Amino acid sequence: MKIKCIAIDDEPLAVMKIAGYIQKIPFLELVAECRNVAETMEVMSNTEIQLLFIDINMPDISGMEFVKSLRNKPYIVFTTAYSEYAVEGFEVQAVDYLLKPISFVNLLKAANKVKTLMDLKANNQKENKEEYANFLFVKSAYKSIRIDFNSIKYIESQHEYIKIHLLSNESVTTKMSLKSIEELLPTKQFIRVHRSFIININEVSMIERNRIVFENKIHIPVSDQYKENFQKSIERKTENH
């Protein structure tokens, strides 16, 4: 799967140059070219972004201030003409700090660093999921509640919270992002189908056009962003039976 990224720079030629480089790298997917933080926030509210190529000196709010404000940070590569922010850039755990004029080779090296980190994280998560328990604990109403993976029907994002819908028709609400819980779930059983939904593929009763149907006539939409990955999961399930 490609790494979804945004190029952010208030200089038109600079953002076009970065965007052009991104489009040459097979494992990157350019989601948007943004000229300011406001545009970036709008894109990030609709699409899960994994990597930002972001300038520091921009109007209204700097790229550095914006990155510091993010609660769930994607990977960050700063692109700037000013070397004095380098230390601060690495303090916010930026993967790389590229000085203008930026060459394709240097941007490719930064992208490869991000890909390596993501691959390592994915492998570690896979090993942990296979090695350890088939349940997790979540905090809800001052309690820690154990939830077996097999008891989950689907999970729904509700702003800063998620709602875990169980096969018992009960639900558990906890303050957590959908991305965070996705990283804790076994990938063979759970799949993201929408920016607001993760489903237990073992509990799907029917697929109707672009909707997943569970028992009790519960319908979950499959968005274009996740359709291909969902279809591959269905095909794997079909092959195994």
Protein backbone atom coordinates (compact mmCIF):
# COMPACT_ATOMS: atom_id res chain seq x y z
CA MET A 1 0.00 0.00 0.00
CA LYS A 2 1.28 3.46 -0.88
CA ILE A 3 2.22 6.09 1.72
CA LYS A 4 -0.33 8.91 1.56
CA CYS A 5 1.36 12.31 1.75
CA ILE A 6 0.86 16.05 1.35
CA ALA A 7 3.26 18.67 -0.03
CA ILE A 8 2.91 21.97 1.88
CA ASP A 9 4.58 25.23 0.90
CA ASP A 10 3.28 28.78 0.43
CA GLU A 11 5.56 29.27 -2.59
CA PRO A 12 3.79 27.93 -5.75
CA LEU A 13 6.99 26.87 -7.52
CA ALA A 14 8.35 25.16 -4.40
CA VAL A 15 5.20 23.11 -3.77
CA MET A 16 5.02 22.15 -7.46
CA LYS A 17 8.62 20.96 -7.35
CA ILE A 18 8.08 18.81 -4.24
CA ALA A 19 4.83 17.44 -5.69
CA GLY A 20 6.64 16.53 -8.91
CA TYR A 21 9.30 14.62 -6.96
CA ILE A 22 6.65 12.76 -4.93
CA GLN A 23 4.89 11.63 -8.10
CA LYS A 24 8.11 10.02 -9.33
CA ILE A 25 8.41 7.76 -6.25
CA PRO A 26 6.34 4.57 -6.70
CA PHE A 27 5.56 3.96 -3.01
CA LEU A 28 4.30 7.52 -2.36
CA GLU A 29 0.81 8.79 -3.13
CA LEU A 30 0.38 12.57 -3.38
CA VAL A 31 -3.01 13.34 -1.83
CA ALA A 32 -2.81 17.15 -2.05
CA GLU A 33 -0.64 20.21 -2.67
CA CYS A 34 -1.36 22.79 0.04
CA ARG A 35 -0.30 26.44 0.30
CA ASN A 36 -1.00 26.90 4.03
CA VAL A 37 -1.90 25.12 7.25
CA ALA A 38 -5.64 25.73 6.86
CA GLU A 39 -5.72 23.81 3.56
CA THR A 40 -3.65 21.04 5.14
CA MET A 41 -6.00 20.68 8.10
CA GLU A 42 -8.97 20.39 5.77
CA VAL A 43 -7.33 17.56 3.81
CA MET A 44 -6.27 15.77 7.00
CA SER A 45 -9.80 15.95 8.37
CA ASN A 46 -11.04 13.90 5.40
CA THR A 47 -8.12 11.58 4.66
CA GLU A 48 -5.68 9.70 6.87
CA ILE A 49 -2.28 11.16 5.95
CA GLN A 50 0.89 9.27 6.82
CA LEU A 51 3.57 11.75 5.70
CA LEU A 52 3.93 15.54 5.45
CA PHE A 53 6.57 17.32 3.37
CA ILE A 54 6.17 20.72 5.01
CA ASP A 55 7.85 24.12 4.78
CA ILE A 56 8.52 25.96 8.06
CA ASN A 57 8.12 29.64 7.18
CA MET A 58 4.50 30.13 6.19
CA PRO A 59 1.87 32.82 6.86
CA ASP A 60 -0.50 32.71 9.87
CA ILE A 61 1.13 29.68 11.53
CA SER A 62 4.52 28.18 10.80
CA GLY A 63 5.00 24.60 9.74
CA MET A 64 6.88 23.96 12.99
CA GLU A 65 4.04 25.30 15.14
CA PHE A 66 1.53 23.27 13.18
CA VAL A 67 3.48 20.04 13.64
CA LYS A 68 3.79 20.70 17.37
CA SER A 69 0.01 21.18 17.58
CA LEU A 70 -0.78 17.75 16.11
CA ARG A 71 -1.88 15.10 18.58
CA ASN A 72 -1.49 12.12 16.24
CA LYS A 73 1.50 13.13 14.13
CA PRO A 74 2.14 11.58 10.72
CA TYR A 75 5.76 11.20 9.66
CA ILE A 76 7.34 14.63 9.07
CA VAL A 77 9.94 15.80 6.57
CA PHE A 78 10.67 19.53 6.80
CA THR A 79 11.54 21.37 3.58
CA THR A 80 12.99 24.82 4.24
CA ALA A 81 15.57 27.42 3.27
CA TYR A 82 16.63 27.98 6.89
CA SER A 83 19.11 25.70 8.63
CA GLU A 84 18.59 27.26 12.10
CA TYR A 85 15.41 25.24 12.70
CA ALA A 86 17.14 21.88 12.21
CA VAL A 87 17.60 21.05 15.91
CA GLU A 88 14.02 22.04 16.70
CA GLY A 89 12.88 19.93 13.76
CA PHE A 90 14.46 16.80 15.14
CA GLU A 91 13.12 17.60 18.63
CA VAL A 92 9.61 17.11 17.20
CA GLN A 93 10.88 13.78 15.82
CA ALA A 94 10.98 14.79 12.17
CA VAL A 95 12.33 12.00 9.97
CA ASP A 96 14.41 14.41 7.90
CA TYR A 97 15.19 18.09 7.40
CA LEU A 98 15.83 19.10 3.79
CA LEU A 99 17.38 22.44 2.89
CA LYS A 100 16.32 24.24 -0.28
CA PRO A 101 17.10 23.95 -3.11
CA ILE A 102 15.98 20.34 -2.65
CA SER A 103 17.18 17.70 -5.09
CA PHE A 104 15.18 14.66 -6.09
CA VAL A 105 17.90 12.40 -4.64
CA ASN A 106 17.65 13.99 -1.18
CA LEU A 107 13.87 13.81 -1.14
CA LEU A 108 14.02 10.17 -2.26
CA LYS A 109 16.42 9.41 0.62
CA ALA A 110 13.98 11.02 3.07
CA ALA A 111 11.08 9.04 1.61
CA ASN A 112 13.08 5.81 1.92
CA LYS A 113 13.71 6.57 5.60
CA VAL A 114 9.97 6.90 6.15
CA LYS A 115 9.27 3.67 4.28
CA THR A 116 11.87 1.81 6.36
CA LEU A 117 10.35 3.09 9.61
CA MET A 118 6.84 2.15 8.51
CA ASP A 119 7.94 -1.34 7.44
CA LEU A 120 9.69 -1.93 10.79
CA LYS A 121 6.63 -0.75 12.69
CA ALA A 122 4.33 -2.97 10.65
CA ASN A 123 6.56 -6.02 11.18
CA ASN A 124 6.78 -5.40 14.94
CA GLN A 125 3.01 -5.02 15.18
CA LYS A 126 2.47 -8.22 13.22
CA GLU A 127 4.85 -10.16 15.48
CA ASN A 128 3.21 -8.75 18.61
CA LYS A 129 -0.28 -9.60 17.39
CA GLU A 130 0.72 -13.16 16.58
CA GLU A 131 2.69 -13.70 19.79
CA TYR A 132 0.39 -12.22 22.41
CA ALA A 133 -3.22 -12.40 23.54
CA ASN A 134 -6.43 -12.34 21.52
CA PHE A 135 -7.93 -9.51 23.55
CA LEU A 136 -7.24 -5.96 24.67
CA PHE A 137 -8.19 -3.69 27.55
CA VAL A 138 -9.79 -0.28 27.02
CA LYS A 139 -10.63 2.44 29.51
CA SER A 140 -14.27 3.44 29.77
CA ALA A 141 -16.06 5.33 32.58
CA TYR A 142 -13.08 5.00 34.94
CA LYS A 143 -12.86 1.25 34.36
CA SER A 144 -10.55 -0.97 32.31
CA ILE A 145 -12.67 -3.36 30.28
CA ARG A 146 -11.37 -6.51 28.66
CA ILE A 147 -12.64 -7.01 25.10
CA ASP A 148 -12.00 -10.24 23.20
CA PHE A 149 -11.25 -9.66 19.54
CA ASN A 150 -13.79 -12.31 18.55
CA SER A 151 -16.52 -10.41 20.40
CA ILE A 152 -16.16 -7.28 18.25
CA LYS A 153 -18.52 -6.69 15.34
CA TYR A 154 -17.25 -3.29 14.22
CA ILE A 155 -15.67 -0.12 15.57
CA GLU A 156 -16.94 3.38 14.89
CA SER A 157 -15.08 6.68 15.17
CA GLN A 158 -16.88 9.46 17.06
CA HIS A 159 -14.59 12.51 16.99
CA GLU A 160 -12.06 11.99 19.84
CA TYR A 161 -13.75 8.74 20.89
CA ILE A 162 -14.40 5.34 19.39
CA LYS A 163 -17.42 3.13 19.93
CA ILE A 164 -16.74 -0.62 19.94
CA HIS A 165 -19.86 -2.48 18.85
CA LEU A 166 -20.00 -6.03 20.22
CA LEU A 167 -21.73 -9.19 18.98
CA SER A 168 -23.87 -9.05 22.12
CA ASN A 169 -25.36 -5.80 20.72
CA GLU A 170 -23.74 -3.91 23.60
CA SER A 171 -21.10 -1.25 22.98
CA VAL A 172 -18.08 0.24 24.76
CA THR A 173 -17.00 3.86 24.26
CA THR A 174 -13.44 4.93 24.95
CA LYS A 175 -11.30 8.00 24.28
CA MET A 176 -9.02 6.74 21.53
CA SER A 177 -8.44 7.30 17.83
CA LEU A 178 -9.47 4.77 15.21
CA LYS A 179 -5.88 4.68 14.00
CA SER A 180 -4.61 3.79 17.48
CA ILE A 181 -6.92 0.83 17.97
CA GLU A 182 -6.33 -0.33 14.40
CA GLU A 183 -2.68 -0.83 15.29
CA LEU A 184 -3.68 -3.17 18.14
CA LEU A 185 -6.00 -5.41 16.13
CA PRO A 186 -5.04 -8.56 14.17
CA THR A 187 -4.87 -7.59 10.51
CA LYS A 188 -6.25 -10.93 9.25
CA GLN A 189 -9.48 -10.34 11.15
CA PHE A 190 -10.00 -6.56 11.19
CA ILE A 191 -9.89 -4.13 8.30
CA ARG A 192 -10.44 -0.40 7.87
CA VAL A 193 -13.22 0.19 5.31
CA HIS A 194 -13.93 3.88 5.90
CA ARG A 195 -12.29 6.75 7.75
CA SER A 196 -14.92 6.19 10.45
CA PHE A 197 -15.20 2.38 10.53
CA ILE A 198 -13.16 -0.78 11.17
CA ILE A 199 -14.99 -4.08 10.72
CA ASN A 200 -14.49 -7.67 11.87
CA ILE A 201 -14.43 -9.38 8.49
CA ASN A 202 -15.44 -12.72 10.06
CA GLU A 203 -18.83 -11.25 11.00
CA VAL A 204 -19.83 -9.84 7.62
CA SER A 205 -23.13 -11.35 6.44
CA MET A 206 -23.26 -9.81 2.98
CA ILE A 207 -21.63 -7.21 0.73
CA GLU A 208 -24.14 -5.09 -1.13
CA ARG A 209 -22.67 -2.65 -3.67
CA ASN A 210 -20.47 -0.36 -1.56
CA ARG A 211 -21.95 -1.41 1.75
CA ILE A 212 -21.17 -4.14 4.26
CA VAL A 213 -24.19 -5.79 5.85
CA PHE A 214 -24.12 -7.33 9.32
CA GLU A 215 -26.89 -9.21 11.06
CA ASN A 216 -29.76 -7.02 12.33
CA LYS A 217 -29.56 -5.06 9.06
CA ILE A 218 -26.59 -2.94 10.13
CA HIS A 219 -24.99 -1.27 7.10
CA ILE A 220 -21.40 0.03 7.00
CA PRO A 221 -20.17 2.05 3.98
CA VAL A 222 -16.97 1.14 2.12
CA SER A 223 -15.23 4.30 0.92
CA ASP A 224 -13.24 4.52 -2.32
CA GLN A 225 -10.04 5.03 -0.30
CA TYR A 226 -10.30 1.57 1.31
CA LYS A 227 -12.22 -0.35 -1.36
CA GLU A 228 -9.21 -2.03 -3.01
CA ASN A 229 -7.73 -3.26 0.27
CA PHE A 230 -11.14 -4.53 1.43
CA GLN A 231 -11.67 -6.40 -1.84
CA LYS A 232 -8.28 -8.12 -1.47
CA SER A 233 -9.23 -9.24 2.05
CA ILE A 234 -12.48 -10.71 0.77
CA GLU A 235 -10.62 -12.54 -1.99
CA ARG A 236 -8.16 -14.01 0.54
CA LYS A 237 -11.06 -15.23 2.65
CA THR A 238 -12.67 -16.80 -0.40
CA GLU A 239 -9.46 -18.60 -1.38
CA ASN A 240 -9.07 -20.05 2.13
CA HIS A 241 -12.49 -21.71 2.05
